[in-house]
Amino acid sequence: MSAVPQADQPAAPTPDRALRRERAGWYSYDWAMSVFNTSVTTVFLAPYLTSIAEAAADDAGRIHPLGISIPPGSWFGYVLSLSVLLQVFVLPFTGAIADRSGAKRQLLAAFAALGSLCTMGLFFVADERYLLGAGLFIVANLSFGAATVVYYSWLPDLAGPDERDAVSSRGWAFGYLGGALLLAGNLVLFTQYESLGLTEGEAVRICLASAGVWWAGFTLVSVSLLRNRRPRESAVVGVTGSGALTGGFRQLAATLRDLRNYRLTLWFLAAYLLFNDGVQTIIGVSAQYGAEELDLSQTTLVSTILLVQVVAFVGAIGLGRVAAVVGAKRTVLASLVVWVGVLVAAYFVQAGAAVQFYLLAVVIGFVLGGTQALSRSLFSQLIPPGKEAEYFGFYEISDRGTSWLGPFLFALTYQLTDSYRYAIFSLVLFFVLGGWLLLKLDMRQAIVAAGNTPPERL
């Protein structure tokens, strides 16, 4: 990822008018892209694509993509799993190329354009076109991840170490707000589809396509305000040149080699990848669980996600204050216990019990924001001085590109048991294993080993 400024360079960019303008462009992309996570991945696509697959099922209630027989209920889980598995190979390469090419604006525009166009294309997923829906989503999700890597790589250029948390958090807040705003509009459309002369399926397809339009439209704002910078390497290479490709792989290999020198940092990363896999899977399959197992209406599911968006923002602030008193590690461990409790409670939620589902959403929202924010804060202390951007880039790439085991386990458990309740409960494994690894990690020793000074409270 982007190299950190040398010691003779300013510790932080001066917040002049040009920098504030560029930061506004950076914030606007979080506003632009977050609707894909909320409206598409989390709310509308899972139950809709499942219903399309069910319509295409044979007399035995099975679909046969590529000749493989699976139940329609497992389809979205496998599609989501494949899309994030492919990111493991695409995203690290993308990040390395972005840093070496000096053409971040062009890359961001290209990936966002491809992803948003595929998202708009979901409007044409109707009847029995479950394969079309899967293909469009896989390309859109790959493009989303690649664009996100490019987007994150601007952060070291826009904020020095002392400002980075504040700038990053502000962008995160804009993302929550943007996702909630479009989702609120989608909810109005969906609840009023009959009065607008639409079918339920047409309303869902419009909601899916609207996320692509929003993503593309506000990306134009971002690209117009952000600017390219010369790569910090001595040679400037083109994004399409073989030098960029070779350099990208070399930079990735160098990062991985360096990580091996900090075993305790890798230990934390392994713990994070496990429990974050559980978090991301719950976000991805919650709508499907609510629709298929609990028989909740689409209106309930959409309003639940809106509730999560608001509470997550509050939770990040609230748990941050808790961490200031008891320490970030203890706070994250406590949140993981709460996540396990959420899954146990979800197993026993009664079908049609919207109030119970809303209560779970409040708890999820509160620990969601705190778990993500504090995990990033803990990891920042485990980065060797002078390598913040490189390691944070790898952390973010891992966040986007390795969360595939959870969706796979969810889909496989459903296929073996024919029960969404067992499928959702199986995710407890990720929080238990991730929490155990974090519990066993001596954070103070890990921080010292990375060459940093431990804070008073851990």
Protein backbone atom coordinates (compact mmCIF):
# COMPACT_ATOMS: atom_id res chain seq x y z
CA MET A 1 0.00 0.00 0.00
CA SER A 2 1.01 3.66 0.04
CA ALA A 3 4.36 4.20 1.65
CA VAL A 4 4.49 6.28 4.80
CA PRO A 5 6.13 9.73 4.53
CA GLN A 6 9.78 9.80 5.52
CA ALA A 7 11.00 11.39 8.71
CA ASP A 8 11.96 14.64 6.96
CA GLN A 9 8.44 15.05 5.58
CA PRO A 10 5.59 16.75 7.47
CA ALA A 11 3.84 14.43 9.92
CA ALA A 12 0.47 15.57 8.64
CA PRO A 13 -0.72 17.51 5.62
CA THR A 14 -1.64 21.11 6.35
CA PRO A 15 -5.47 21.31 6.34
CA ASP A 16 -5.62 24.04 3.70
CA ARG A 17 -8.52 24.67 1.34
CA ALA A 18 -7.27 22.22 -1.30
CA LEU A 19 -6.85 19.45 1.25
CA ARG A 20 -10.28 20.06 2.76
CA ARG A 21 -11.75 19.89 -0.74
CA GLU A 22 -10.02 16.58 -1.41
CA ARG A 23 -11.12 15.18 1.93
CA ALA A 24 -14.70 16.09 1.00
CA GLY A 25 -14.25 14.02 -2.15
CA TRP A 26 -12.91 11.13 -0.09
CA TYR A 27 -15.85 11.29 2.32
CA SER A 28 -18.29 11.41 -0.59
CA TYR A 29 -17.09 8.05 -1.88
CA ASP A 30 -17.99 6.34 1.40
CA TRP A 31 -21.39 8.01 0.99
CA ALA A 32 -21.52 6.66 -2.58
CA MET A 33 -20.43 3.05 -2.04
CA SER A 34 -22.11 2.15 1.26
CA VAL A 35 -25.50 1.78 -0.42
CA PHE A 36 -24.22 -1.36 -2.16
CA ASN A 37 -23.63 -3.01 1.22
CA THR A 38 -26.93 -1.88 2.72
CA SER A 39 -29.52 -1.97 -0.05
CA VAL A 40 -28.03 -4.77 -2.17
CA THR A 41 -25.94 -7.22 -0.13
CA THR A 42 -27.65 -6.86 3.24
CA VAL A 43 -31.32 -6.23 2.47
CA PHE A 44 -32.80 -6.90 -0.92
CA LEU A 45 -30.69 -9.31 -2.94
CA ALA A 46 -30.51 -12.36 -0.65
CA PRO A 47 -34.25 -12.97 -0.28
CA TYR A 48 -34.98 -11.86 -3.85
CA LEU A 49 -32.33 -14.07 -5.47
CA THR A 50 -33.51 -16.94 -3.27
CA SER A 51 -37.06 -16.47 -4.56
CA ILE A 52 -35.78 -16.41 -8.16
CA ALA A 53 -33.89 -19.64 -7.53
CA GLU A 54 -36.99 -21.20 -5.99
CA ALA A 55 -38.97 -20.30 -9.11
CA ALA A 56 -36.37 -22.10 -11.23
CA ALA A 57 -36.30 -25.25 -9.04
CA ASP A 58 -37.31 -28.60 -10.50
CA ASP A 59 -40.02 -30.91 -9.16
CA ALA A 60 -37.64 -32.09 -6.46
CA GLY A 61 -37.12 -28.51 -5.27
CA ARG A 62 -33.51 -28.29 -6.48
CA ILE A 63 -31.58 -26.06 -8.85
CA HIS A 64 -28.64 -27.25 -10.93
CA PRO A 65 -26.06 -24.51 -11.63
CA LEU A 66 -23.19 -26.00 -13.65
CA GLY A 67 -24.81 -29.39 -13.16
CA ILE A 68 -24.49 -29.27 -9.35
CA SER A 69 -27.68 -30.03 -7.44
CA ILE A 70 -28.32 -27.67 -4.51
CA PRO A 71 -31.40 -26.35 -2.68
CA PRO A 72 -32.45 -22.79 -3.61
CA GLY A 73 -31.99 -21.71 0.02
CA SER A 74 -28.23 -22.31 -0.25
CA TRP A 75 -27.80 -20.41 -3.52
CA PHE A 76 -27.11 -16.90 -2.23
CA GLY A 77 -24.76 -18.20 0.48
CA TYR A 78 -22.65 -19.99 -2.11
CA VAL A 79 -22.71 -16.98 -4.46
CA LEU A 80 -21.63 -14.62 -1.67
CA SER A 81 -18.93 -17.07 -0.61
CA LEU A 82 -17.56 -17.33 -4.15
CA SER A 83 -17.54 -13.56 -4.64
CA VAL A 84 -15.47 -12.91 -1.52
CA LEU A 85 -13.20 -15.90 -2.17
CA LEU A 86 -12.31 -14.41 -5.54
CA GLN A 87 -11.47 -11.14 -3.78
CA VAL A 88 -8.63 -12.91 -1.98
CA PHE A 89 -6.83 -13.09 -5.33
CA VAL A 90 -8.01 -9.78 -6.81
CA LEU A 91 -7.77 -7.24 -3.98
CA PRO A 92 -4.12 -7.52 -2.87
CA PHE A 93 -3.02 -7.24 -6.47
CA THR A 94 -5.34 -4.27 -7.01
CA GLY A 95 -3.98 -2.42 -3.99
CA ALA A 96 -0.38 -2.87 -5.04
CA ILE A 97 -1.11 -1.69 -8.57
CA ALA A 98 -2.98 1.37 -7.29
CA ASP A 99 0.01 2.51 -5.24
CA ARG A 100 2.53 2.04 -8.06
CA SER A 101 0.52 3.35 -10.99
CA GLY A 102 -0.17 6.96 -9.95
CA ALA A 103 -3.61 6.60 -11.54
CA LYS A 104 -5.88 6.12 -8.55
CA ARG A 105 -8.62 8.40 -9.87
CA GLN A 106 -8.85 6.39 -13.08
CA LEU A 107 -8.85 3.08 -11.20
CA LEU A 108 -11.51 4.25 -8.75
CA ALA A 109 -13.67 5.50 -11.60
CA ALA A 110 -13.25 2.28 -13.59
CA PHE A 111 -14.02 -0.12 -10.74
CA ALA A 112 -16.94 1.97 -9.49
CA ALA A 113 -18.34 2.23 -13.03
CA LEU A 114 -18.17 -1.53 -13.58
CA GLY A 115 -19.64 -2.31 -10.17
CA SER A 116 -22.44 0.24 -10.43
CA LEU A 117 -23.37 -0.89 -13.95
CA CYS A 118 -23.63 -4.51 -12.80
CA THR A 119 -25.74 -3.34 -9.86
CA MET A 120 -28.05 -1.48 -12.22
CA GLY A 121 -28.19 -4.67 -14.31
CA LEU A 122 -29.83 -6.47 -11.38
CA PHE A 123 -33.03 -4.76 -12.55
CA PHE A 124 -33.19 -7.38 -15.32
CA VAL A 125 -33.00 -10.36 -12.93
CA ALA A 126 -36.53 -11.72 -13.09
CA ASP A 127 -38.43 -14.93 -13.79
CA GLU A 128 -35.89 -17.77 -13.42
CA ARG A 129 -32.67 -15.86 -14.15
CA TYR A 130 -30.85 -16.83 -10.96
CA LEU A 131 -27.59 -17.38 -12.87
CA LEU A 132 -27.73 -13.85 -14.29
CA GLY A 133 -28.31 -12.46 -10.81
CA ALA A 134 -25.39 -14.44 -9.43
CA GLY A 135 -23.03 -13.36 -12.21
CA LEU A 136 -23.91 -9.69 -11.92
CA PHE A 137 -23.53 -9.73 -8.14
CA ILE A 138 -20.14 -11.50 -8.26
CA VAL A 139 -18.71 -8.93 -10.68
CA ALA A 140 -20.30 -6.06 -8.75
CA ASN A 141 -18.92 -7.30 -5.43
CA LEU A 142 -15.44 -7.81 -6.90
CA SER A 143 -15.56 -4.27 -8.32
CA PHE A 144 -16.83 -2.95 -4.99
CA GLY A 145 -13.89 -4.53 -3.15
CA ALA A 146 -11.33 -3.35 -5.70
CA ALA A 147 -12.68 0.21 -5.63
CA THR A 148 -12.63 0.14 -1.83
CA VAL A 149 -8.94 -0.80 -1.80
CA VAL A 150 -8.15 2.15 -4.07
CA TYR A 151 -10.32 4.41 -1.91
CA TYR A 152 -8.57 3.41 1.32
CA SER A 153 -5.14 3.94 -0.24
CA TRP A 154 -5.79 7.72 -0.29
CA LEU A 155 -6.01 7.98 3.51
CA PRO A 156 -2.24 8.37 4.21
CA ASP A 157 -2.16 11.19 1.65
CA LEU A 158 -5.09 13.01 3.25
CA ALA A 159 -4.21 12.71 6.93
CA GLY A 160 -1.14 12.31 9.07
CA PRO A 161 -0.96 9.79 11.92
CA ASP A 162 -2.58 12.14 14.44
CA GLU A 163 -5.51 12.94 12.17
CA ARG A 164 -6.03 9.59 10.50
CA ASP A 165 -8.51 8.15 12.98
CA ALA A 166 -10.67 11.27 12.89
CA VAL A 167 -10.66 11.48 9.08
CA SER A 168 -11.35 7.77 8.72
CA SER A 169 -14.18 7.87 11.26
CA ARG A 170 -15.74 10.84 9.53
CA GLY A 171 -15.79 8.93 6.26
CA TRP A 172 -17.33 5.95 8.04
CA ALA A 173 -20.04 8.20 9.45
CA PHE A 174 -20.83 9.56 5.97
CA GLY A 175 -21.16 5.97 4.78
CA TYR A 176 -23.68 5.08 7.47
CA LEU A 177 -25.66 8.21 6.65
CA GLY A 178 -25.66 7.62 2.89
CA GLY A 179 -26.65 3.98 3.25
CA ALA A 180 -29.47 4.85 5.63
CA LEU A 181 -30.80 7.65 3.42
CA LEU A 182 -31.15 5.56 0.25
CA LEU A 183 -32.49 2.64 2.26
CA ALA A 184 -35.17 4.91 3.72
CA GLY A 185 -36.17 5.88 0.19
CA ASN A 186 -36.20 2.22 -0.82
CA LEU A 187 -38.45 1.45 2.13
CA VAL A 188 -40.94 4.09 1.05
CA LEU A 189 -40.95 2.72 -2.49
CA PHE A 190 -41.31 -0.87 -1.36
CA THR A 191 -44.14 -0.21 1.06
CA GLN A 192 -46.05 1.82 -1.54
CA TYR A 193 -45.43 -0.37 -4.58
CA GLU A 194 -49.08 -1.30 -5.05
CA SER A 195 -50.21 2.32 -5.11
CA LEU A 196 -47.49 3.00 -7.69
CA GLY A 197 -48.79 0.24 -9.95
CA LEU A 198 -45.79 -2.04 -9.37
CA THR A 199 -45.45 -5.67 -8.38
CA GLU A 200 -43.34 -6.59 -5.36
CA GLY A 201 -40.64 -8.02 -7.62
CA GLU A 202 -40.54 -4.85 -9.73
CA ALA A 203 -40.20 -2.73 -6.59
CA VAL A 204 -37.26 -4.82 -5.38
CA ARG A 205 -35.57 -4.60 -8.78
CA ILE A 206 -35.92 -0.81 -8.77
CA CYS A 207 -34.43 -0.68 -5.27
CA LEU A 208 -31.47 -2.80 -6.40
CA ALA A 209 -30.89 -0.67 -9.49
CA SER A 210 -31.19 2.56 -7.47
CA ALA A 211 -28.11 1.54 -5.48
CA GLY A 212 -26.15 1.34 -8.73
CA VAL A 213 -27.37 4.76 -9.84
CA TRP A 214 -26.50 6.28 -6.42
CA TRP A 215 -23.08 4.62 -6.43
CA ALA A 216 -22.25 5.88 -9.93
CA GLY A 217 -23.64 9.38 -9.43
CA PHE A 218 -21.79 10.24 -6.23
CA THR A 219 -18.59 8.59 -7.47
CA LEU A 220 -18.49 11.37 -10.07
CA VAL A 221 -18.31 13.85 -7.19
CA SER A 222 -15.47 11.89 -5.58
CA VAL A 223 -13.44 11.56 -8.76
CA SER A 224 -13.83 15.27 -9.52
CA LEU A 225 -12.45 16.28 -6.09
CA LEU A 226 -9.74 13.67 -5.52
CA ARG A 227 -6.40 13.94 -7.31
CA ASN A 228 -3.63 11.60 -8.37
CA ARG A 229 -0.19 11.68 -6.81
CA ARG A 230 3.11 10.44 -8.14
CA PRO A 231 4.03 7.05 -6.69
CA ARG A 232 6.60 7.29 -3.93
CA GLU A 233 8.73 4.69 -5.72
CA SER A 234 11.55 6.12 -7.78
CA ALA A 235 10.01 4.97 -11.06
CA VAL A 236 6.58 6.02 -12.23
CA VAL A 237 4.82 3.23 -14.09
CA GLY A 238 1.58 3.10 -16.00
CA VAL A 239 -1.34 1.15 -14.63
CA THR A 240 -1.48 -0.98 -17.77
CA GLY A 241 2.25 -1.53 -18.01
CA SER A 242 4.07 -4.72 -17.15
CA GLY A 243 6.11 -2.73 -14.63
CA ALA A 244 2.95 -2.05 -12.62
CA LEU A 245 1.98 -5.71 -12.71
CA THR A 246 5.42 -6.95 -11.70
CA GLY A 247 5.85 -4.23 -9.09
CA GLY A 248 2.43 -4.99 -7.67
CA PHE A 249 3.33 -8.60 -7.00
CA ARG A 250 6.71 -7.61 -5.60
CA GLN A 251 5.17 -5.10 -3.20
CA LEU A 252 2.62 -7.66 -2.02
CA ALA A 253 5.34 -10.28 -1.50
CA ALA A 254 7.45 -7.78 0.46
CA THR A 255 4.51 -6.97 2.75
CA LEU A 256 3.86 -10.64 3.43
CA ARG A 257 7.55 -11.31 4.13
CA ASP A 258 7.69 -8.40 6.55
CA LEU A 259 4.57 -9.57 8.37
CA ARG A 260 6.31 -12.84 9.22
CA ASN A 261 8.74 -10.88 11.38
CA TYR A 262 5.88 -9.82 13.68
CA ARG A 263 4.27 -13.06 14.82
CA LEU A 264 2.08 -11.42 17.44
CA THR A 265 0.72 -8.97 14.90
CA LEU A 266 -0.16 -11.95 12.71
CA TRP A 267 -1.77 -13.60 15.75
CA PHE A 268 -4.09 -10.63 16.19
CA LEU A 269 -4.83 -10.57 12.48
CA ALA A 270 -5.81 -14.26 12.59
CA ALA A 271 -8.15 -13.58 15.52
CA TYR A 272 -9.68 -10.60 13.75
CA LEU A 273 -10.23 -12.48 10.51
CA LEU A 274 -12.12 -15.20 12.38
CA PHE A 275 -14.54 -13.06 14.36
CA ASN A 276 -14.87 -10.51 11.56
CA ASP A 277 -15.85 -13.38 9.26
CA GLY A 278 -18.69 -14.08 11.66
CA VAL A 279 -19.70 -10.41 11.77
CA GLN A 280 -19.72 -10.04 7.99
CA THR A 281 -21.66 -13.26 7.52
CA ILE A 282 -24.38 -12.18 9.94
CA ILE A 283 -24.69 -8.91 8.05
CA GLY A 284 -24.86 -10.77 4.74
CA VAL A 285 -27.40 -13.46 5.65
CA SER A 286 -29.60 -11.69 8.21
CA ALA A 287 -32.19 -10.65 5.62
CA GLN A 288 -32.33 -14.18 4.23
CA TYR A 289 -32.77 -15.60 7.74
CA GLY A 290 -35.49 -13.11 8.56
CA ALA A 291 -37.37 -13.75 5.31
CA GLU A 292 -37.01 -17.52 4.94
CA GLU A 293 -36.95 -18.78 8.53
CA LEU A 294 -38.86 -16.10 10.46
CA ASP A 295 -41.36 -15.21 7.71
CA LEU A 296 -40.84 -11.51 8.26
CA SER A 297 -42.00 -9.00 5.68
CA GLN A 298 -39.57 -7.12 3.45
CA THR A 299 -40.69 -3.90 5.14
CA THR A 300 -39.63 -5.28 8.51
CA LEU A 301 -36.27 -6.37 7.13
CA VAL A 302 -35.52 -3.03 5.49
CA SER A 303 -36.53 -1.03 8.56
CA THR A 304 -34.37 -3.34 10.67
CA ILE A 305 -31.30 -2.52 8.61
CA LEU A 306 -32.11 1.18 8.96
CA LEU A 307 -32.22 0.70 12.71
CA VAL A 308 -28.85 -1.10 12.65
CA GLN A 309 -27.29 1.76 10.65
CA VAL A 310 -28.28 4.33 13.25
CA VAL A 311 -27.43 2.25 16.31
CA ALA A 312 -24.05 1.21 14.86
CA PHE A 313 -22.96 4.84 14.76
CA VAL A 314 -24.01 5.28 18.40
CA GLY A 315 -22.36 1.99 19.35
CA ALA A 316 -19.00 3.00 17.91
CA ILE A 317 -19.01 6.12 20.08
CA GLY A 318 -20.40 4.38 23.17
CA LEU A 319 -18.01 1.43 23.13
CA GLY A 320 -15.16 3.83 22.45
CA ARG A 321 -15.95 5.52 25.75
CA VAL A 322 -16.16 2.14 27.48
CA ALA A 323 -12.74 1.25 26.05
CA ALA A 324 -11.29 4.43 27.52
CA VAL A 325 -12.19 3.09 30.96
CA VAL A 326 -11.62 -0.68 30.74
CA GLY A 327 -9.38 -0.98 27.67
CA ALA A 328 -10.04 -1.79 24.03
CA LYS A 329 -9.13 -5.48 24.20
CA ARG A 330 -11.53 -6.17 27.08
CA THR A 331 -14.25 -4.20 25.30
CA VAL A 332 -13.82 -6.18 22.07
CA LEU A 333 -13.83 -9.48 24.01
CA ALA A 334 -17.03 -8.42 25.76
CA SER A 335 -18.59 -7.52 22.41
CA LEU A 336 -17.72 -10.98 21.07
CA VAL A 337 -19.58 -12.53 24.01
CA VAL A 338 -22.55 -10.37 23.06
CA TRP A 339 -22.29 -11.57 19.44
CA VAL A 340 -22.49 -15.18 20.67
CA GLY A 341 -25.54 -14.24 22.73
CA VAL A 342 -27.12 -12.69 19.63
CA LEU A 343 -26.71 -15.93 17.67
CA VAL A 344 -28.15 -18.00 20.52
CA ALA A 345 -31.10 -15.62 20.77
CA ALA A 346 -31.56 -15.65 16.97
CA TYR A 347 -31.91 -19.44 17.10
CA PHE A 348 -34.90 -19.09 19.44
CA VAL A 349 -36.61 -16.10 17.80
CA GLN A 350 -40.17 -17.09 16.95
CA ALA A 351 -41.42 -16.97 13.37
CA GLY A 352 -43.23 -13.71 12.66
CA ALA A 353 -41.93 -12.07 15.86
CA ALA A 354 -40.92 -8.70 14.42
CA VAL A 355 -40.40 -7.11 17.85
CA GLN A 356 -37.89 -9.81 18.84
CA PHE A 357 -36.06 -9.26 15.54
CA TYR A 358 -35.93 -5.49 16.16
CA LEU A 359 -34.49 -6.05 19.64
CA LEU A 360 -31.76 -8.26 18.17
CA ALA A 361 -31.06 -5.53 15.61
CA VAL A 362 -30.50 -2.97 18.37
CA VAL A 363 -27.96 -5.24 20.06
CA ILE A 364 -26.25 -6.07 16.76
CA GLY A 365 -26.05 -2.42 15.80
CA PHE A 366 -24.50 -1.44 19.11
CA VAL A 367 -21.73 -4.07 19.03
CA LEU A 368 -21.23 -3.78 15.26
CA GLY A 369 -19.85 -0.25 15.27
CA GLY A 370 -17.77 -0.82 18.39
CA THR A 371 -16.30 -4.14 17.27
CA GLN A 372 -15.12 -2.72 13.96
CA ALA A 373 -13.82 0.60 15.29
CA LEU A 374 -11.94 -0.85 18.28
CA SER A 375 -10.48 -3.75 16.29
CA ARG A 376 -8.95 -1.25 13.89
CA SER A 377 -7.65 0.78 16.82
CA LEU A 378 -6.02 -2.28 18.39
CA PHE A 379 -4.40 -3.27 15.12
CA SER A 380 -2.97 0.22 14.65
CA GLN A 381 -0.85 -0.32 17.78
CA LEU A 382 0.61 -3.52 16.34
CA ILE A 383 2.03 -1.90 13.20
CA PRO A 384 5.79 -1.26 13.12
CA PRO A 385 6.51 2.50 13.05
CA GLY A 386 6.77 3.88 9.54
CA LYS A 387 4.63 1.14 7.97
CA GLU A 388 1.16 2.33 8.92
CA ALA A 389 -0.28 2.71 5.42
CA GLU A 390 1.18 -0.57 4.16
CA TYR A 391 -0.15 -2.62 7.07
CA PHE A 392 -3.52 -0.86 7.24
CA GLY A 393 -3.91 -1.55 3.58
CA PHE A 394 -3.29 -5.24 4.14
CA TYR A 395 -5.74 -5.17 7.06
CA GLU A 396 -8.47 -3.62 4.93
CA ILE A 397 -7.80 -5.98 2.04
CA SER A 398 -8.07 -8.90 4.43
CA ASP A 399 -11.32 -7.47 5.78
CA ARG A 400 -12.83 -7.39 2.28
CA GLY A 401 -11.25 -10.47 0.79
CA THR A 402 -11.21 -13.30 3.32
CA SER A 403 -14.74 -13.32 4.71
CA TRP A 404 -15.90 -16.34 2.74
CA LEU A 405 -15.79 -19.19 5.25
CA GLY A 406 -18.80 -17.86 7.15
CA PRO A 407 -21.16 -17.71 4.15
CA PHE A 408 -19.87 -21.11 3.05
CA LEU A 409 -20.48 -22.67 6.48
CA PHE A 410 -23.94 -21.09 6.63
CA ALA A 411 -24.89 -22.44 3.21
CA LEU A 412 -23.37 -25.87 3.86
CA THR A 413 -25.08 -26.22 7.24
CA TYR A 414 -28.41 -25.34 5.66
CA GLN A 415 -27.84 -27.86 2.88
CA LEU A 416 -27.02 -30.63 5.39
CA THR A 417 -29.74 -29.83 7.94
CA ASP A 418 -32.41 -28.04 5.87
CA SER A 419 -32.62 -25.56 8.77
CA TYR A 420 -31.72 -21.88 8.77
CA ARG A 421 -31.68 -21.99 12.58
CA TYR A 422 -28.84 -24.50 12.64
CA ALA A 423 -27.13 -22.51 9.86
CA ILE A 424 -27.20 -19.24 11.83
CA PHE A 425 -26.13 -20.98 15.04
CA SER A 426 -23.10 -22.53 13.29
CA LEU A 427 -21.55 -19.04 13.10
CA VAL A 428 -20.88 -19.17 16.86
CA LEU A 429 -17.71 -21.06 15.93
CA PHE A 430 -16.08 -17.95 14.45
CA PHE A 431 -16.66 -15.80 17.52
CA VAL A 432 -15.49 -18.49 19.93
CA LEU A 433 -12.28 -19.23 18.03
CA GLY A 434 -11.53 -15.58 17.27
CA GLY A 435 -12.26 -14.55 20.84
CA TRP A 436 -10.05 -17.33 22.21
CA LEU A 437 -7.12 -16.22 20.04
CA LEU A 438 -7.58 -12.60 21.12
CA LEU A 439 -7.84 -13.61 24.78
CA LYS A 440 -4.54 -15.51 24.58
CA LEU A 441 -2.70 -12.62 22.93
CA ASP A 442 -0.52 -10.52 25.23
CA MET A 443 -1.30 -7.13 23.71
CA ARG A 444 1.35 -5.29 25.71
CA GLN A 445 4.05 -7.69 24.54
CA ALA A 446 2.73 -7.52 20.97
CA ILE A 447 2.83 -3.70 20.97
CA VAL A 448 6.37 -3.63 22.34
CA ALA A 449 7.46 -6.28 19.80
CA ALA A 450 6.18 -4.02 17.02
CA GLY A 451 8.33 -1.17 18.34
CA ASN A 452 5.52 0.91 19.87
CA THR A 453 4.74 2.23 23.35
CA PRO A 454 1.71 0.55 24.95
CA PRO A 455 -1.12 2.84 26.07
CA GLU A 456 -2.11 2.99 29.72
CA ARG A 457 -5.19 0.84 29.12
CA LEU A 458 -5.36 -2.11 26.75
